Amino acid sequence: MSGHSKWSTIKRKKEAADNKRGALFTKLAKELQLAAKAGGPDPDANFKLRLAVQRAKAANMPNDNITRAIAKATGGGDSDQLIEVSYEGYGPGGAAILVTAVTDNRNRTVAAIRHEFTSVGGSLGENGSVAWQFKSRGALSVPIDGHDEDEIALVAIEAGAEDIETSDGAVEVQTAPGDLEAVRQALTEAGYTVDHADLSMVPTSTIALEKSVAGQILRLLDGLEELEDVQRVYSNADFDDELLAQYAS
């Protein structure tokens, strides 16, 4: 598992532990609205909405909040004029960073993102400047919780998984984007808990950084993740285990 993937896993755990529910629910509501507006209010017929609902439930977002966000986007309330945008740039040491956001004000969003980049000596780039270094993948995380990790891997592979790794007590699974739901269903039907399932942008190669520079990248990734409009942050930075252990604590 790449250093950035490990960072993402730790970040999810920290979010749950830090109890930053308000900010997280706001981001999830935007994701639900955007997915429902694009593909309709039925999660069974709208794959992106189904993923968004799963993420919301995994974060313990109340069902009323989920229903209200979907209704807001499909005529049951005043819908915000939300759009999905992406930004690309480089952090210290040349690490490539890809940011996706959902916003009703592009100027506000780009100004906030640019500030985070420049605060650590990074810079925003043109569209396409770093995106070519990433590929779209399905990503799932299955806690081992006393199960046989080889059995988990076997179920995932038989359902179409392409890459399996174990990290921090969980089996991390990667799939082709179109196989994500089939693999999730197979794991769930086999009795395993899938605590994270999402489409992700995975770097095709990673870059190792000096410890001081890697620390700056971590601060940049955290700063970007904390922005209200930002939904996802991806990087090709490879963090060593010692630095990630310090970050996790």
Protein backbone atom coordinates (compact mmCIF):
# COMPACT_ATOMS: atom_id res chain seq x y z
CA MET A 1 0.00 0.00 0.00
CA SER A 2 1.38 3.40 -0.95
CA GLY A 3 2.19 5.97 1.71
CA HIS A 4 -0.64 8.16 0.54
CA SER A 5 -3.14 5.29 0.80
CA LYS A 6 -1.98 4.70 4.35
CA TRP A 7 -2.46 8.41 5.06
CA SER A 8 -6.02 8.19 3.70
CA THR A 9 -6.78 5.22 5.95
CA ILE A 10 -5.40 6.99 9.02
CA LYS A 11 -7.31 10.13 8.08
CA ARG A 12 -10.61 8.24 8.05
CA LYS A 13 -9.90 6.84 11.50
CA LYS A 14 -8.91 10.25 12.85
CA GLU A 15 -12.09 11.80 11.48
CA ALA A 16 -14.14 9.27 13.39
CA ALA A 17 -12.11 9.74 16.56
CA ASP A 18 -12.05 13.55 16.36
CA ASN A 19 -15.83 13.67 16.12
CA LYS A 20 -15.82 16.48 13.54
CA ARG A 21 -19.36 15.53 12.65
CA GLY A 22 -20.65 18.96 11.62
CA ALA A 23 -18.01 19.59 8.96
CA LEU A 24 -18.12 16.00 7.73
CA PHE A 25 -21.92 15.97 7.45
CA THR A 26 -21.80 19.22 5.46
CA LYS A 27 -19.42 17.62 2.95
CA LEU A 28 -21.49 14.45 2.77
CA ALA A 29 -24.68 16.45 2.20
CA LYS A 30 -23.05 18.22 -0.75
CA GLU A 31 -21.95 14.89 -2.20
CA LEU A 32 -25.47 13.47 -1.82
CA GLN A 33 -27.01 16.53 -3.47
CA LEU A 34 -24.63 16.49 -6.42
CA ALA A 35 -25.08 12.76 -7.04
CA ALA A 36 -28.88 12.95 -6.76
CA LYS A 37 -29.08 15.97 -9.05
CA ALA A 38 -26.97 14.24 -11.70
CA GLY A 39 -28.50 10.78 -11.64
CA GLY A 40 -31.81 10.91 -9.82
CA PRO A 41 -32.95 10.19 -6.25
CA ASP A 42 -33.03 6.38 -6.38
CA PRO A 43 -29.79 4.87 -5.02
CA ASP A 44 -30.59 1.53 -6.68
CA ALA A 45 -30.53 3.19 -10.09
CA ASN A 46 -27.85 5.80 -9.34
CA PHE A 47 -24.45 4.27 -8.58
CA LYS A 48 -22.81 7.51 -7.42
CA LEU A 49 -25.70 8.25 -5.10
CA ARG A 50 -25.54 4.72 -3.72
CA LEU A 51 -21.86 5.25 -2.90
CA ALA A 52 -22.63 8.60 -1.31
CA VAL A 53 -25.39 7.08 0.84
CA GLN A 54 -23.06 4.28 1.92
CA ARG A 55 -20.39 6.81 2.91
CA ALA A 56 -22.94 8.88 4.81
CA LYS A 57 -24.23 5.88 6.73
CA ALA A 58 -20.68 4.73 7.50
CA ALA A 59 -20.11 8.15 9.07
CA ASN A 60 -23.31 7.72 11.14
CA MET A 61 -25.08 10.54 9.36
CA PRO A 62 -28.76 10.46 10.45
CA ASN A 63 -31.20 9.07 7.90
CA ASP A 64 -33.23 12.28 8.07
CA ASN A 65 -30.17 14.26 6.99
CA ILE A 66 -29.56 11.88 4.08
CA THR A 67 -33.19 12.06 2.94
CA ARG A 68 -33.24 15.85 3.25
CA ALA A 69 -30.06 16.27 1.19
CA ILE A 70 -31.44 14.08 -1.61
CA ALA A 71 -34.80 15.88 -1.58
CA LYS A 72 -33.06 19.26 -1.70
CA ALA A 73 -31.39 18.28 -4.96
CA THR A 74 -34.45 16.77 -6.60
CA GLY A 75 -37.19 19.31 -6.00
CA GLY A 76 -38.05 18.75 -2.36
CA GLY A 77 -36.31 21.89 -1.12
CA ASP A 78 -34.23 24.88 -2.11
CA SER A 79 -31.30 23.38 -3.98
CA ASP A 80 -27.91 25.02 -3.95
CA GLN A 81 -26.26 25.56 -7.33
CA LEU A 82 -23.49 23.07 -6.65
CA ILE A 83 -20.88 22.07 -9.18
CA GLU A 84 -17.99 19.62 -8.99
CA VAL A 85 -14.55 21.00 -9.82
CA SER A 86 -11.01 19.68 -9.63
CA TYR A 87 -7.69 21.40 -9.03
CA GLU A 88 -4.16 20.21 -9.64
CA GLY A 89 -0.85 21.31 -8.24
CA TYR A 90 2.51 20.49 -6.77
CA GLY A 91 3.57 20.52 -3.17
CA PRO A 92 7.08 20.78 -1.72
CA GLY A 93 9.51 18.27 -3.19
CA GLY A 94 7.51 18.00 -6.40
CA ALA A 95 4.71 15.84 -4.99
CA ALA A 96 1.69 15.83 -7.31
CA ILE A 97 -1.63 16.67 -5.66
CA LEU A 98 -5.14 16.34 -7.08
CA VAL A 99 -8.09 17.97 -5.31
CA THR A 100 -11.80 17.52 -6.00
CA ALA A 101 -14.34 19.94 -4.59
CA VAL A 102 -18.07 20.63 -4.61
CA THR A 103 -18.90 24.31 -4.50
CA ASP A 104 -21.42 27.04 -5.25
CA ASN A 105 -18.66 29.65 -5.56
CA ARG A 106 -15.60 28.83 -7.67
CA ASN A 107 -13.74 32.01 -6.70
CA ARG A 108 -14.02 31.25 -2.98
CA THR A 109 -12.92 27.67 -3.47
CA VAL A 110 -9.90 28.30 -5.66
CA ALA A 111 -8.71 31.13 -3.39
CA ALA A 112 -8.85 28.86 -0.33
CA ILE A 113 -7.09 26.00 -2.12
CA ARG A 114 -4.38 28.29 -3.54
CA HIS A 115 -3.75 29.65 -0.04
CA GLU A 116 -3.12 26.13 1.31
CA PHE A 117 -0.67 25.36 -1.50
CA THR A 118 1.29 28.60 -1.19
CA SER A 119 1.44 28.41 2.62
CA VAL A 120 3.90 25.50 2.32
CA GLY A 121 5.68 26.62 -0.83
CA GLY A 122 3.54 24.66 -3.27
CA SER A 123 1.64 25.95 -6.30
CA LEU A 124 -1.52 25.32 -8.26
CA GLY A 125 -1.08 24.12 -11.83
CA GLU A 126 -3.11 24.08 -15.01
CA ASN A 127 -5.77 21.46 -15.66
CA GLY A 128 -4.03 18.29 -16.77
CA SER A 129 -0.71 19.17 -15.18
CA VAL A 130 -0.81 16.28 -12.69
CA ALA A 131 -4.02 14.33 -13.44
CA TRP A 132 -2.16 12.12 -15.90
CA GLN A 133 -0.21 10.68 -12.95
CA PHE A 134 -3.38 9.14 -11.45
CA LYS A 135 -5.89 6.51 -12.51
CA SER A 136 -9.45 5.94 -11.36
CA ARG A 137 -9.89 2.89 -9.14
CA GLY A 138 -12.45 1.39 -6.82
CA ALA A 139 -11.18 1.24 -3.23
CA LEU A 140 -12.61 -0.81 -0.36
CA SER A 141 -11.47 -1.42 3.19
CA VAL A 142 -12.52 -4.53 5.13
CA PRO A 143 -11.60 -4.82 8.84
CA ILE A 144 -10.11 -8.23 9.59
CA ASP A 145 -11.79 -8.43 13.03
CA GLY A 146 -10.66 -12.00 13.64
CA HIS A 147 -11.45 -13.24 10.15
CA ASP A 148 -8.94 -15.02 7.93
CA GLU A 149 -7.48 -12.30 5.72
CA ASP A 150 -6.77 -14.83 2.97
CA GLU A 151 -10.45 -15.76 2.88
CA ILE A 152 -11.41 -12.09 2.60
CA ALA A 153 -8.93 -11.69 -0.24
CA LEU A 154 -10.27 -14.79 -2.01
CA VAL A 155 -13.86 -13.53 -1.94
CA ALA A 156 -12.73 -10.14 -3.28
CA ILE A 157 -10.60 -11.64 -6.05
CA GLU A 158 -13.35 -14.01 -7.18
CA ALA A 159 -15.68 -11.00 -7.43
CA GLY A 160 -13.24 -9.07 -9.61
CA ALA A 161 -10.72 -7.36 -7.29
CA GLU A 162 -7.39 -6.57 -8.93
CA ASP A 163 -5.15 -5.71 -5.99
CA ILE A 164 -5.17 -6.76 -2.31
CA GLU A 165 -3.01 -5.52 0.56
CA THR A 166 -3.22 -5.73 4.34
CA SER A 167 -2.57 -2.69 6.50
CA ASP A 168 -3.45 -1.64 10.07
CA GLY A 169 -5.82 -4.55 10.71
CA ALA A 170 -7.74 -4.24 7.46
CA VAL A 171 -7.70 -5.74 4.00
CA GLU A 172 -7.44 -2.94 1.42
CA VAL A 173 -8.94 -3.85 -1.95
CA GLN A 174 -8.62 -2.15 -5.32
CA THR A 175 -10.88 -2.81 -8.29
CA ALA A 176 -11.63 -1.45 -11.73
CA PRO A 177 -14.17 1.38 -11.21
CA GLY A 178 -16.98 -0.64 -12.75
CA ASP A 179 -16.34 -3.63 -10.46
CA LEU A 180 -16.51 -1.73 -7.16
CA GLU A 181 -20.16 -2.48 -6.40
CA ALA A 182 -19.91 -6.16 -7.35
CA VAL A 183 -16.93 -6.66 -5.06
CA ARG A 184 -18.62 -4.76 -2.22
CA GLN A 185 -21.76 -6.87 -2.54
CA ALA A 186 -19.77 -10.12 -2.63
CA LEU A 187 -17.86 -9.20 0.53
CA THR A 188 -21.04 -8.12 2.32
CA GLU A 189 -22.92 -11.27 1.31
CA ALA A 190 -19.98 -13.36 2.57
CA GLY A 191 -20.50 -11.82 6.01
CA TYR A 192 -17.69 -9.25 6.04
CA THR A 193 -18.04 -5.61 7.02
CA VAL A 194 -17.01 -3.11 4.36
CA ASP A 195 -16.30 0.08 6.29
CA HIS A 196 -15.20 2.08 3.26
CA ALA A 197 -16.10 1.81 -0.43
CA ASP A 198 -15.44 4.63 -2.83
CA LEU A 199 -14.05 5.62 -6.19
CA SER A 200 -10.51 6.90 -5.80
CA MET A 201 -7.69 8.37 -7.86
CA VAL A 202 -4.61 6.21 -7.32
CA PRO A 203 -1.12 7.40 -8.36
CA THR A 204 0.52 5.33 -11.08
CA SER A 205 3.85 5.84 -9.31
CA THR A 206 4.90 7.44 -6.03
CA ILE A 207 7.63 9.83 -4.98
CA ALA A 208 9.76 9.39 -1.86
CA LEU A 209 10.40 12.60 0.07
CA GLU A 210 12.82 13.71 2.75
CA LYS A 211 11.25 13.65 6.19
CA SER A 212 11.03 17.44 6.55
CA VAL A 213 9.40 17.80 3.14
CA ALA A 214 7.04 14.87 3.80
CA GLY A 215 5.90 16.65 6.96
CA GLN A 216 5.05 19.73 4.91
CA ILE A 217 3.06 17.61 2.48
CA LEU A 218 1.10 16.08 5.36
CA ARG A 219 0.25 19.56 6.63
CA LEU A 220 -0.82 20.57 3.12
CA LEU A 221 -3.03 17.50 2.67
CA ASP A 222 -4.60 18.06 6.07
CA GLY A 223 -5.17 21.74 5.35
CA LEU A 224 -6.85 20.95 2.04
CA GLU A 225 -9.02 18.22 3.60
CA GLU A 226 -10.25 20.68 6.25
CA LEU A 227 -11.63 23.11 3.65
CA GLU A 228 -15.42 23.07 3.57
CA ASP A 229 -15.68 22.74 -0.22
CA VAL A 230 -13.04 20.03 -0.63
CA GLN A 231 -14.31 16.47 -0.99
CA ARG A 232 -11.19 14.43 -1.83
CA VAL A 233 -7.43 14.97 -1.85
CA TYR A 234 -5.02 12.63 -3.65
CA SER A 235 -1.23 12.67 -3.79
CA ASN A 236 1.64 10.59 -5.12
CA ALA A 237 3.72 11.27 -2.00
CA ASP A 238 5.08 8.13 -0.31
CA PHE A 239 5.28 8.59 3.46
CA ASP A 240 7.46 6.36 5.61
CA ASP A 241 5.89 4.33 8.40
CA GLU A 242 7.61 6.28 11.20
CA LEU A 243 6.16 9.59 10.02
CA LEU A 244 2.71 8.08 9.59
CA ALA A 245 2.88 6.56 13.08
CA GLN A 246 3.59 10.03 14.47
CA TYR A 247 0.72 11.46 12.43
CA ALA A 248 -1.67 8.76 13.66
CA SER A 249 -0.88 9.55 17.29
